């Protein structure tokens, strides 16, 4: 998923309410104050970092296959380690 500046504006101001061209707000149609460029940049960085974490959680969870689950009945070492990795990533959110 690609996160862009309009996503950041929508996250900062419920409902967005703007027209953007070339990542610049050209029209503002919201009763709330227009966020500054610095606020938009910071929110964009936060959203992109969050997406990286979500992608890593998805990758780690996808490694837990049916075979790994069956193997965990005999020895849960790998599964425990995988769950710990997922917990670390979730804690970052």
PDB file of N, CA and C in Angstrom:
ATOM      1  N   UNK A   1       0.837  -1.178   0.000  1.00  0.00           N
ATOM      2  CA  UNK A   1       0.000   0.000   0.000  1.00  0.00           C
ATOM      3  C   UNK A   1       0.885   1.245   0.000  1.00  0.00           C
ATOM      4  N   UNK A   2       0.580   2.156  -0.872  1.00  0.00           N
ATOM      5  CA  UNK A   2       1.349   3.400  -0.959  1.00  0.00           C
ATOM      6  C   UNK A   2       0.646   4.462  -0.129  1.00  0.00           C
ATOM      7  N   UNK A   3       1.398   5.070   0.762  1.00  0.00           N
ATOM      8  CA  UNK A   3       0.881   6.152   1.603  1.00  0.00           C
ATOM      9  C   UNK A   3       1.380   7.461   0.997  1.00  0.00           C
ATOM     10  N   UNK A   4       0.476   8.405   0.774  1.00  0.00           N
ATOM     11  CA  UNK A   4       0.894   9.679   0.202  1.00  0.00           C
ATOM     12  C   UNK A   4       0.386  10.847   1.052  1.00  0.00           C
ATOM     13  N   UNK A   5       0.653  12.057   0.598  1.00  0.00           N
ATOM     14  CA  UNK A   5       0.346  13.253   1.389  1.00  0.00           C
ATOM     15  C   UNK A   5      -1.146  13.436   1.634  1.00  0.00           C
ATOM     16  N   UNK A   6      -1.992  13.044   0.707  1.00  0.00           N
ATOM     17  CA  UNK A   6      -3.431  13.187   0.933  1.00  0.00           C
ATOM     18  C   UNK A   6      -3.877  12.273   2.066  1.00  0.00           C
ATOM     19  N   UNK A   7      -3.233  11.115   2.212  1.00  0.00           N
ATOM     20  CA  UNK A   7      -3.521  10.230   3.343  1.00  0.00           C
ATOM     21  C   UNK A   7      -3.142  10.904   4.652  1.00  0.00           C
ATOM     22  N   UNK A   8      -2.015  11.607   4.642  1.00  0.00           N
ATOM     23  CA  UNK A   8      -1.572  12.313   5.845  1.00  0.00           C
ATOM     24  C   UNK A   8      -2.549  13.423   6.212  1.00  0.00           C
ATOM     25  N   UNK A   9      -3.009  14.175   5.216  1.00  0.00           N
ATOM     26  CA  UNK A   9      -3.983  15.250   5.478  1.00  0.00           C
ATOM     27  C   UNK A   9      -5.268  14.654   6.029  1.00  0.00           C
ATOM     28  N   UNK A  10      -5.741  13.575   5.432  1.00  0.00           N
ATOM     29  CA  UNK A  10      -6.970  12.924   5.893  1.00  0.00           C
ATOM     30  C   UNK A  10      -6.819  12.399   7.311  1.00  0.00           C
ATOM     31  N   UNK A  11      -5.632  11.945   7.659  1.00  0.00           N
ATOM     32  CA  UNK A  11      -5.379  11.457   9.003  1.00  0.00           C
ATOM     33  C   UNK A  11      -5.363  12.604  10.017  1.00  0.00           C
ATOM     34  N   UNK A  12      -4.819  13.730   9.610  1.00  0.00           N
ATOM     35  CA  UNK A  12      -4.728  14.888  10.500  1.00  0.00           C
ATOM     36  C   UNK A  12      -6.065  15.591  10.683  1.00  0.00           C
ATOM     37  N   UNK A  13      -6.828  15.696   9.618  1.00  0.00           N
ATOM     38  CA  UNK A  13      -8.095  16.431   9.644  1.00  0.00           C
ATOM     39  C   UNK A  13      -9.193  15.475   9.201  1.00  0.00           C
ATOM     40  N   UNK A  14     -10.055  15.134  10.122  1.00  0.00           N
ATOM     41  CA  UNK A  14     -11.114  14.175   9.830  1.00  0.00           C
ATOM     42  C   UNK A  14     -11.889  14.587   8.581  1.00  0.00           C
ATOM     43  N   UNK A  15     -11.871  13.712   7.596  1.00  0.00           N
ATOM     44  CA  UNK A  15     -12.602  13.987   6.363  1.00  0.00           C
ATOM     45  C   UNK A  15     -11.807  14.736   5.316  1.00  0.00           C
ATOM     46  N   UNK A  16     -10.610  15.167   5.635  1.00  0.00           N
ATOM     47  CA  UNK A  16      -9.776  15.865   4.646  1.00  0.00           C
ATOM     48  C   UNK A  16     -10.383  17.189   4.234  1.00  0.00           C
ATOM     49  N   UNK A  17     -11.066  17.208   3.122  1.00  0.00           N
ATOM     50  CA  UNK A  17     -11.712  18.428   2.656  1.00  0.00           C
ATOM     51  C   UNK A  17     -10.790  19.362   1.915  1.00  0.00           C
ATOM     52  N   UNK A  18      -9.976  18.797   1.027  1.00  0.00           N
ATOM     53  CA  UNK A  18      -9.060  19.648   0.279  1.00  0.00           C
ATOM     54  C   UNK A  18      -8.860  19.100  -1.124  1.00  0.00           C
ATOM     55  N   UNK A  19      -8.296  19.955  -1.959  1.00  0.00           N
ATOM     56  CA  UNK A  19      -7.892  19.552  -3.303  1.00  0.00           C
ATOM     57  C   UNK A  19      -6.388  19.723  -3.351  1.00  0.00           C
ATOM     58  N   UNK A  20      -5.709  18.674  -3.777  1.00  0.00           N
ATOM     59  CA  UNK A  20      -4.243  18.730  -3.864  1.00  0.00           C
ATOM     60  C   UNK A  20      -3.822  18.525  -5.310  1.00  0.00           C
ATOM     61  N   UNK A  21      -2.763  19.199  -5.671  1.00  0.00           N
ATOM     62  CA  UNK A  21      -2.155  19.017  -6.981  1.00  0.00           C
ATOM     63  C   UNK A  21      -0.646  19.003  -6.773  1.00  0.00           C
ATOM     64  N   UNK A  22       0.005  17.988  -7.289  1.00  0.00           N
ATOM     65  CA  UNK A  22       1.450  17.825  -7.110  1.00  0.00           C
ATOM     66  C   UNK A  22       1.831  17.866  -5.634  1.00  0.00           C
ATOM     67  N   UNK A  23       1.012  17.197  -4.799  1.00  0.00           N
ATOM     68  CA  UNK A  23       1.234  17.097  -3.354  1.00  0.00           C
ATOM     69  C   UNK A  23       1.171  18.427  -2.617  1.00  0.00           C
ATOM     70  N   UNK A  24       0.529  19.414  -3.187  1.00  0.00           N
ATOM     71  CA  UNK A  24       0.373  20.721  -2.548  1.00  0.00           C
ATOM     72  C   UNK A  24      -1.117  21.017  -2.447  1.00  0.00           C
ATOM     73  N   UNK A  25      -1.543  21.475  -1.278  1.00  0.00           N
ATOM     74  CA  UNK A  25      -2.951  21.832  -1.097  1.00  0.00           C
ATOM     75  C   UNK A  25      -3.227  23.107  -1.892  1.00  0.00           C
ATOM     76  N   UNK A  26      -4.160  23.022  -2.835  1.00  0.00           N
ATOM     77  CA  UNK A  26      -4.497  24.218  -3.616  1.00  0.00           C
ATOM     78  C   UNK A  26      -5.863  24.787  -3.232  1.00  0.00           C
ATOM     79  N   UNK A  27      -6.721  23.947  -2.626  1.00  0.00           N
ATOM     80  CA  UNK A  27      -8.019  24.418  -2.141  1.00  0.00           C
ATOM     81  C   UNK A  27      -8.292  23.744  -0.805  1.00  0.00           C
ATOM     82  N   UNK A  28      -8.805  24.517   0.156  1.00  0.00           N
ATOM     83  CA  UNK A  28      -9.141  23.972   1.469  1.00  0.00           C
ATOM     84  C   UNK A  28     -10.640  24.136   1.695  1.00  0.00           C
ATOM     85  N   UNK A  29     -11.335  23.031   1.940  1.00  0.00           N
ATOM     86  CA  UNK A  29     -12.790  23.037   2.101  1.00  0.00           C
ATOM     87  C   UNK A  29     -13.183  22.395   3.432  1.00  0.00           C
ATOM     88  N   UNK A  30     -12.550  22.798   4.490  1.00  0.00           N
ATOM     89  CA  UNK A  30     -12.824  22.201   5.788  1.00  0.00           C
ATOM     90  C   UNK A  30     -12.905  23.312   6.820  1.00  0.00           C
ATOM     91  N   UNK A  31     -13.797  23.156   7.795  1.00  0.00           N
ATOM     92  CA  UNK A  31     -13.941  24.165   8.837  1.00  0.00           C
ATOM     93  C   UNK A  31     -12.753  24.200   9.783  1.00  0.00           C
ATOM     94  N   UNK A  32     -12.015  23.113   9.856  1.00  0.00           N
ATOM     95  CA  UNK A  32     -10.848  23.051  10.732  1.00  0.00           C
ATOM     96  C   UNK A  32      -9.660  23.739  10.072  1.00  0.00           C
ATOM     97  N   UNK A  33      -8.694  24.110  10.902  1.00  0.00           N
ATOM     98  CA  UNK A  33      -7.496  24.793  10.394  1.00  0.00           C
ATOM     99  C   UNK A  33      -6.715  23.877   9.464  1.00  0.00           C
ATOM    100  N   UNK A  34      -6.170  24.460   8.427  1.00  0.00           N
ATOM    101  CA  UNK A  34      -5.351  23.710   7.478  1.00  0.00           C
ATOM    102  C   UNK A  34      -4.038  23.340   8.152  1.00  0.00           C
ATOM    103  N   UNK A  35      -3.632  22.071   8.099  1.00  0.00           N
ATOM    104  CA  UNK A  35      -2.365  21.675   8.714  1.00  0.00           C
ATOM    105  C   UNK A  35      -1.175  22.281   7.955  1.00  0.00           C
ATOM    106  N   UNK A  36      -0.119  22.534   8.704  1.00  0.00           N
ATOM    107  CA  UNK A  36       1.087  23.081   8.081  1.00  0.00           C
ATOM    108  C   UNK A  36       1.791  21.998   7.267  1.00  0.00           C
ATOM    109  N   UNK A  37       2.673  22.427   6.388  1.00  0.00           N
ATOM    110  CA  UNK A  37       3.448  21.461   5.589  1.00  0.00           C
ATOM    111  C   UNK A  37       4.294  20.573   6.498  1.00  0.00           C
ATOM    112  N   UNK A  38       4.836  21.164   7.561  1.00  0.00           N
ATOM    113  CA  UNK A  38       5.646  20.383   8.505  1.00  0.00           C
ATOM    114  C   UNK A  38       4.793  19.319   9.196  1.00  0.00           C
ATOM    115  N   UNK A  39       3.550  19.683   9.566  1.00  0.00           N
ATOM    116  CA  UNK A  39       2.651  18.710  10.194  1.00  0.00           C
ATOM    117  C   UNK A  39       2.303  17.591   9.216  1.00  0.00           C
ATOM    118  N   UNK A  40       2.064  17.956   7.974  1.00  0.00           N
ATOM    119  CA  UNK A  40       1.739  16.950   6.949  1.00  0.00           C
ATOM    120  C   UNK A  40       2.929  16.018   6.734  1.00  0.00           C
ATOM    121  N   UNK A  41       4.132  16.588   6.638  1.00  0.00           N
ATOM    122  CA  UNK A  41       5.340  15.769   6.446  1.00  0.00           C
ATOM    123  C   UNK A  41       5.552  14.811   7.613  1.00  0.00           C
ATOM    124  N   UNK A  42       5.340  15.306   8.846  1.00  0.00           N
ATOM    125  CA  UNK A  42       5.525  14.462  10.029  1.00  0.00           C
ATOM    126  C   UNK A  42       4.494  13.331  10.048  1.00  0.00           C
ATOM    127  N   UNK A  43       3.250  13.651   9.722  1.00  0.00           N
ATOM    128  CA  UNK A  43       2.206  12.630   9.697  1.00  0.00           C
ATOM    129  C   UNK A  43       2.457  11.621   8.582  1.00  0.00           C
ATOM    130  N   UNK A  44       2.934  12.088   7.443  1.00  0.00           N
ATOM    131  CA  UNK A  44       3.270  11.188   6.341  1.00  0.00           C
ATOM    132  C   UNK A  44       4.362  10.209   6.767  1.00  0.00           C
ATOM    133  N   UNK A  45       5.386  10.706   7.436  1.00  0.00           N
ATOM    134  CA  UNK A  45       6.465   9.834   7.916  1.00  0.00           C
ATOM    135  C   UNK A  45       5.932   8.815   8.928  1.00  0.00           C
ATOM    136  N   UNK A  46       5.032   9.264   9.813  1.00  0.00           N
ATOM    137  CA  UNK A  46       4.450   8.365  10.811  1.00  0.00           C
ATOM    138  C   UNK A  46       3.619   7.266  10.139  1.00  0.00           C
ATOM    139  N   UNK A  47       2.797   7.649   9.168  1.00  0.00           N
ATOM    140  CA  UNK A  47       1.966   6.673   8.464  1.00  0.00           C
ATOM    141  C   UNK A  47       2.802   5.680   7.666  1.00  0.00           C
ATOM    142  N   UNK A  48       3.868   6.168   7.029  1.00  0.00           N
ATOM    143  CA  UNK A  48       4.737   5.275   6.254  1.00  0.00           C
ATOM    144  C   UNK A  48       5.472   4.298   7.174  1.00  0.00           C
ATOM    145  N   UNK A  49       5.931   4.781   8.324  1.00  0.00           N
ATOM    146  CA  UNK A  49       6.604   3.898   9.281  1.00  0.00           C
ATOM    147  C   UNK A  49       5.636   2.843   9.805  1.00  0.00           C
ATOM    148  N   UNK A  50       4.404   3.254  10.062  1.00  0.00           N
ATOM    149  CA  UNK A  50       3.386   2.323  10.526  1.00  0.00           C
ATOM    150  C   UNK A  50       3.122   1.254   9.475  1.00  0.00           C
ATOM    151  N   UNK A  51       3.080   1.637   8.214  1.00  0.00           N
ATOM    152  CA  UNK A  51       2.839   0.670   7.142  1.00  0.00           C
ATOM    153  C   UNK A  51       3.979  -0.339   7.035  1.00  0.00           C
ATOM    154  N   UNK A  52       5.205   0.106   7.236  1.00  0.00           N
ATOM    155  CA  UNK A  52       6.352  -0.804   7.221  1.00  0.00           C
ATOM    156  C   UNK A  52       6.198  -1.851   8.324  1.00  0.00           C
ATOM    157  N   UNK A  53       5.773  -1.410   9.508  1.00  0.00           N
ATOM    158  CA  UNK A  53       5.574  -2.326  10.629  1.00  0.00           C
ATOM    159  C   UNK A  53       4.453  -3.314  10.315  1.00  0.00           C
ATOM    160  N   UNK A  54       3.337  -2.822   9.788  1.00  0.00           N
ATOM    161  CA  UNK A  54       2.226  -3.716   9.431  1.00  0.00           C
ATOM    162  C   UNK A  54       2.638  -4.736   8.374  1.00  0.00           C
ATOM    163  N   UNK A  55       3.451  -4.310   7.415  1.00  0.00           N
ATOM    164  CA  UNK A  55       3.937  -5.238   6.386  1.00  0.00           C
ATOM    165  C   UNK A  55       4.813  -6.323   7.003  1.00  0.00           C
ATOM    166  N   UNK A  56       5.647  -5.949   7.972  1.00  0.00           N
ATOM    167  CA  UNK A  56       6.517  -6.927   8.628  1.00  0.00           C
ATOM    168  C   UNK A  56       5.683  -7.907   9.455  1.00  0.00           C
ATOM    169  N   UNK A  57       4.671  -7.417  10.149  1.00  0.00           N
ATOM    170  CA  UNK A  57       3.787  -8.313  10.903  1.00  0.00           C
ATOM    171  C   UNK A  57       3.113  -9.305   9.960  1.00  0.00           C
ATOM    172  N   UNK A  58       2.631  -8.813   8.842  1.00  0.00           N
ATOM    173  CA  UNK A  58       1.991  -9.700   7.863  1.00  0.00           C
ATOM    174  C   UNK A  58       2.966 -10.749   7.350  1.00  0.00           C
ATOM    175  N   UNK A  59       4.208 -10.330   7.085  1.00  0.00           N
ATOM    176  CA  UNK A  59       5.216 -11.279   6.603  1.00  0.00           C
ATOM    177  C   UNK A  59       5.493 -12.353   7.649  1.00  0.00           C
ATOM    178  N   UNK A  60       5.679 -11.936   8.901  1.00  0.00           N
ATOM    179  CA  UNK A  60       5.958 -12.896   9.971  1.00  0.00           C
ATOM    180  C   UNK A  60       4.779 -13.847  10.180  1.00  0.00           C
ATOM    181  N   UNK A  61       3.572 -13.321  10.156  1.00  0.00           N
ATOM    182  CA  UNK A  61       2.398 -14.173  10.346  1.00  0.00           C
ATOM    183  C   UNK A  61       2.215 -15.152   9.188  1.00  0.00           C
ATOM    184  N   UNK A  62       2.593 -14.738   7.995  1.00  0.00           N
ATOM    185  CA  UNK A  62       2.433 -15.632   6.846  1.00  0.00           C
ATOM    186  C   UNK A  62       3.403 -16.808   6.897  1.00  0.00           C
ATOM    187  N   UNK A  63       4.465 -16.694   7.687  1.00  0.00           N
ATOM    188  CA  UNK A  63       5.401 -17.813   7.838  1.00  0.00           C
ATOM    189  C   UNK A  63       4.849 -18.913   8.746  1.00  0.00           C
ATOM    190  N   UNK A  64       3.788 -18.610   9.472  1.00  0.00           N
ATOM    191  CA  UNK A  64       3.164 -19.600  10.343  1.00  0.00           C
ATOM    192  C   UNK A  64       2.202 -20.429   9.481  1.00  0.00           C
ATOM    193  N   UNK A  65       2.760 -21.451   8.889  1.00  0.00           N
ATOM    194  CA  UNK A  65       2.001 -22.308   7.978  1.00  0.00           C
ATOM    195  C   UNK A  65       1.373 -23.473   8.746  1.00  0.00           C
ATOM    196  N   UNK A  66       0.529 -24.235   8.062  1.00  0.00           N
ATOM    197  CA  UNK A  66      -0.074 -25.420   8.675  1.00  0.00           C
ATOM    198  C   UNK A  66       1.001 -26.404   9.127  1.00  0.00           C
ATOM    199  N   UNK A  67       2.034 -26.542   8.339  1.00  0.00           N
ATOM    200  CA  UNK A  67       3.119 -27.461   8.716  1.00  0.00           C
ATOM    201  C   UNK A  67       3.815 -26.987   9.976  1.00  0.00           C
ATOM    202  N   UNK A  68       4.079 -25.674  10.066  1.00  0.00           N
ATOM    203  CA  UNK A  68       4.721 -25.123  11.271  1.00  0.00           C
ATOM    204  C   UNK A  68       3.832 -25.345  12.495  1.00  0.00           C
ATOM    205  N   UNK A  69       2.530 -25.200  12.316  1.00  0.00           N
ATOM    206  CA  UNK A  69       1.615 -25.438  13.428  1.00  0.00           C
ATOM    207  C   UNK A  69       1.663 -26.897  13.883  1.00  0.00           C
ATOM    208  N   UNK A  70       1.689 -27.827  12.921  1.00  0.00           N
ATOM    209  CA  UNK A  70       1.795 -29.254  13.273  1.00  0.00           C
ATOM    210  C   UNK A  70       3.101 -29.529  13.994  1.00  0.00           C
ATOM    211  N   UNK A  71       4.191 -28.948  13.485  1.00  0.00           N
ATOM    212  CA  UNK A  71       5.501 -29.154  14.109  1.00  0.00           C
ATOM    213  C   UNK A  71       5.549 -28.578  15.523  1.00  0.00           C
ATOM    214  N   UNK A  72       4.771 -27.545  15.776  1.00  0.00           N
ATOM    215  CA  UNK A  72       4.782 -26.894  17.083  1.00  0.00           C
ATOM    216  C   UNK A  72       4.210 -27.801  18.175  1.00  0.00           C
ATOM    217  N   UNK A  73       3.403 -28.790  17.805  1.00  0.00           N
ATOM    218  CA  UNK A  73       2.904 -29.723  18.810  1.00  0.00           C
ATOM    219  C   UNK A  73       4.047 -30.493  19.450  1.00  0.00           C
ATOM    220  N   UNK A  74       5.045 -30.841  18.662  1.00  0.00           N
ATOM    221  CA  UNK A  74       6.194 -31.588  19.179  1.00  0.00           C
ATOM    222  C   UNK A  74       7.219 -30.671  19.837  1.00  0.00           C
ATOM    223  N   UNK A  75       7.464 -29.510  19.220  1.00  0.00           N
ATOM    224  CA  UNK A  75       8.470 -28.572  19.741  1.00  0.00           C
ATOM    225  C   UNK A  75       8.035 -27.158  19.364  1.00  0.00           C
ATOM    226  N   UNK A  76       7.654 -26.378  20.338  1.00  0.00           N
ATOM    227  CA  UNK A  76       7.110 -25.044  20.072  1.00  0.00           C
ATOM    228  C   UNK A  76       8.174 -23.951  20.039  1.00  0.00           C
ATOM    229  N   UNK A  77       9.447 -24.322  20.014  1.00  0.00           N
ATOM    230  CA  UNK A  77      10.523 -23.332  20.053  1.00  0.00           C
ATOM    231  C   UNK A  77      10.413 -22.320  18.919  1.00  0.00           C
ATOM    232  N   UNK A  78      10.260 -22.810  17.684  1.00  0.00           N
ATOM    233  CA  UNK A  78      10.181 -21.884  16.538  1.00  0.00           C
ATOM    234  C   UNK A  78       8.941 -21.001  16.652  1.00  0.00           C
ATOM    235  N   UNK A  79       7.804 -21.609  16.999  1.00  0.00           N
ATOM    236  CA  UNK A  79       6.556 -20.858  17.092  1.00  0.00           C
ATOM    237  C   UNK A  79       6.642 -19.800  18.194  1.00  0.00           C
ATOM    238  N   UNK A  80       7.240 -20.143  19.304  1.00  0.00           N
ATOM    239  CA  UNK A  80       7.408 -19.175  20.396  1.00  0.00           C
ATOM    240  C   UNK A  80       8.272 -17.999  19.956  1.00  0.00           C
ATOM    241  N   UNK A  81       9.336 -18.299  19.229  1.00  0.00           N
ATOM    242  CA  UNK A  81      10.220 -17.238  18.729  1.00  0.00           C
ATOM    243  C   UNK A  81       9.494 -16.357  17.719  1.00  0.00           C
ATOM    244  N   UNK A  82       8.699 -16.982  16.867  1.00  0.00           N
ATOM    245  CA  UNK A  82       7.939 -16.227  15.859  1.00  0.00           C
ATOM    246  C   UNK A  82       6.915 -15.319  16.538  1.00  0.00           C
ATOM    247  N   UNK A  83       6.218 -15.834  17.534  1.00  0.00           N
ATOM    248  CA  UNK A  83       5.249 -15.027  18.277  1.00  0.00           C
ATOM    249  C   UNK A  83       5.935 -13.863  18.987  1.00  0.00           C
ATOM    250  N   UNK A  84       7.135 -14.088  19.479  1.00  0.00           N
ATOM    251  CA  UNK A  84       7.890 -13.010  20.133  1.00  0.00           C
ATOM    252  C   UNK A  84       8.255 -11.919  19.130  1.00  0.00           C
ATOM    253  N   UNK A  85       8.651 -12.316  17.923  1.00  0.00           N
ATOM    254  CA  UNK A  85       8.966 -11.337  16.877  1.00  0.00           C
ATOM    255  C   UNK A  85       7.735 -10.514  16.524  1.00  0.00           C
ATOM    256  N   UNK A  86       6.603 -11.185  16.399  1.00  0.00           N
ATOM    257  CA  UNK A  86       5.360 -10.484  16.079  1.00  0.00           C
ATOM    258  C   UNK A  86       4.980  -9.521  17.204  1.00  0.00           C
ATOM    259  N   UNK A  87       5.156  -9.954  18.441  1.00  0.00           N
ATOM    260  CA  UNK A  87       4.851  -9.082  19.590  1.00  0.00           C
ATOM    261  C   UNK A  87       5.724  -7.843  19.603  1.00  0.00           C
ATOM    262  N   UNK A  88       6.993  -7.986  19.226  1.00  0.00           N
ATOM    263  CA  UNK A  88       7.896  -6.832  19.156  1.00  0.00           C
ATOM    264  C   UNK A  88       7.390  -5.828  18.129  1.00  0.00           C
ATOM    265  N   UNK A  89       6.987  -6.332  16.965  1.00  0.00           N
ATOM    266  CA  UNK A  89       6.484  -5.441  15.912  1.00  0.00           C
ATOM    267  C   UNK A  89       5.178  -4.773  16.329  1.00  0.00           C
ATOM    268  N   UNK A  90       4.294  -5.528  16.953  1.00  0.00           N
ATOM    269  CA  UNK A  90       3.017  -4.946  17.407  1.00  0.00           C
ATOM    270  C   UNK A  90       3.234  -3.858  18.464  1.00  0.00           C
ATOM    271  N   UNK A  91       4.240  -4.052  19.291  1.00  0.00           N
ATOM    272  CA  UNK A  91       4.535  -3.062  20.344  1.00  0.00           C
ATOM    273  C   UNK A  91       4.983  -1.727  19.729  1.00  0.00           C
ATOM    274  N   UNK A  92       5.533  -1.776  18.526  1.00  0.00           N
ATOM    275  CA  UNK A  92       5.967  -0.546  17.848  1.00  0.00           C
ATOM    276  C   UNK A  92       4.787   0.302  17.391  1.00  0.00           C
ATOM    277  N   UNK A  93       3.625  -0.328  17.246  1.00  0.00           N
ATOM    278  CA  UNK A  93       2.449   0.409  16.802  1.00  0.00           C
ATOM    279  C   UNK A  93       1.939   1.255  17.943  1.00  0.00           C
TER     280      UNK A  93
END
